[in-house]
């Protein structure tokens, strides 16, 4: 794989993480506003989706740091 291909794939992964977070946020909002779930189940849903959003944000940060490193390298084959 070339450097440019690796960069492109990492950039796509960053966009996927951003998209997933937006979807999770919409689900969370919908669940909290329109659901007739019990208070305990609503809190569990909030906790679980918040966890997913946090992990996605961490993964996005790792990918962005990796992109910086890749762009600085001279090597073109991975």
Protein backbone atom coordinates (compact mmCIF):
# COMPACT_ATOMS: atom_id res chain seq x y z
CA UNK A 1 0.00 0.00 0.00
CA UNK A 2 1.31 3.44 -0.84
CA UNK A 3 1.53 6.32 1.57
CA UNK A 4 -1.25 8.18 -0.25
CA UNK A 5 -3.54 5.14 -0.08
CA UNK A 6 -2.89 4.71 3.64
CA UNK A 7 -3.60 8.40 4.23
CA UNK A 8 -6.83 8.17 2.23
CA UNK A 9 -8.01 5.15 4.19
CA UNK A 10 -7.19 6.78 7.52
CA UNK A 11 -9.05 9.92 6.48
CA UNK A 12 -12.07 7.78 5.55
CA UNK A 13 -11.88 6.11 8.96
CA UNK A 14 -11.89 9.54 10.65
CA UNK A 15 -15.01 10.49 8.67
CA UNK A 16 -16.65 7.21 9.67
CA UNK A 17 -16.01 7.93 13.34
CA UNK A 18 -17.50 11.41 12.96
CA UNK A 19 -20.54 10.00 11.18
CA UNK A 20 -21.05 7.30 13.81
CA UNK A 21 -20.93 9.89 16.59
CA UNK A 22 -23.59 11.97 14.85
CA UNK A 23 -25.82 8.91 14.50
CA UNK A 24 -25.32 7.95 18.15
CA UNK A 25 -26.17 11.49 19.24
CA UNK A 26 -29.39 11.44 17.17
CA UNK A 27 -30.35 8.06 18.63
CA UNK A 28 -29.65 9.28 22.14
CA UNK A 29 -31.74 12.39 21.59
CA UNK A 30 -34.62 10.38 20.12
CA UNK A 31 -34.54 7.82 22.91
CA UNK A 32 -34.51 10.44 25.63
CA UNK A 33 -37.21 12.62 24.07
CA UNK A 34 -39.66 10.11 22.61
CA UNK A 35 -39.18 6.87 24.44
CA UNK A 36 -41.56 5.53 27.02
CA UNK A 37 -38.82 3.46 28.63
CA UNK A 38 -38.41 3.44 32.37
CA UNK A 39 -36.06 5.91 34.00
CA UNK A 40 -33.53 3.12 34.61
CA UNK A 41 -33.58 1.96 30.98
CA UNK A 42 -33.24 5.54 29.75
CA UNK A 43 -30.21 6.01 31.98
CA UNK A 44 -28.70 2.75 30.69
CA UNK A 45 -29.26 3.89 27.10
CA UNK A 46 -27.64 7.24 27.89
CA UNK A 47 -24.68 5.54 29.57
CA UNK A 48 -24.16 3.03 26.75
CA UNK A 49 -24.42 5.57 23.94
CA UNK A 50 -22.18 8.01 25.80
CA UNK A 51 -19.61 5.23 26.13
CA UNK A 52 -19.75 4.54 22.38
CA UNK A 53 -19.41 8.24 21.58
CA UNK A 54 -16.40 8.51 23.89
CA UNK A 55 -14.66 5.50 22.38
CA UNK A 56 -15.31 6.77 18.85
CA UNK A 57 -13.86 10.14 19.80
CA UNK A 58 -10.76 8.47 21.21
CA UNK A 59 -10.36 6.35 18.08
CA UNK A 60 -10.75 9.44 15.89
CA UNK A 61 -8.00 11.18 17.88
CA UNK A 62 -5.68 8.18 17.46
CA UNK A 63 -6.33 8.16 13.71
CA UNK A 64 -5.63 11.89 13.46
CA UNK A 65 -2.34 11.45 15.34
CA UNK A 66 -1.45 8.55 13.06
CA UNK A 67 -2.15 10.71 10.01
CA UNK A 68 0.29 13.34 11.28
CA UNK A 69 2.99 10.67 11.72
CA UNK A 70 2.36 9.12 8.29
CA UNK A 71 2.51 12.48 6.53
CA UNK A 72 5.87 13.23 8.15
CA UNK A 73 7.45 9.94 7.09
CA UNK A 74 9.61 9.61 4.00
CA UNK A 75 8.61 5.99 3.40
CA UNK A 76 6.04 5.44 0.62
CA UNK A 77 5.29 1.73 1.04
CA UNK A 78 3.40 0.29 4.00
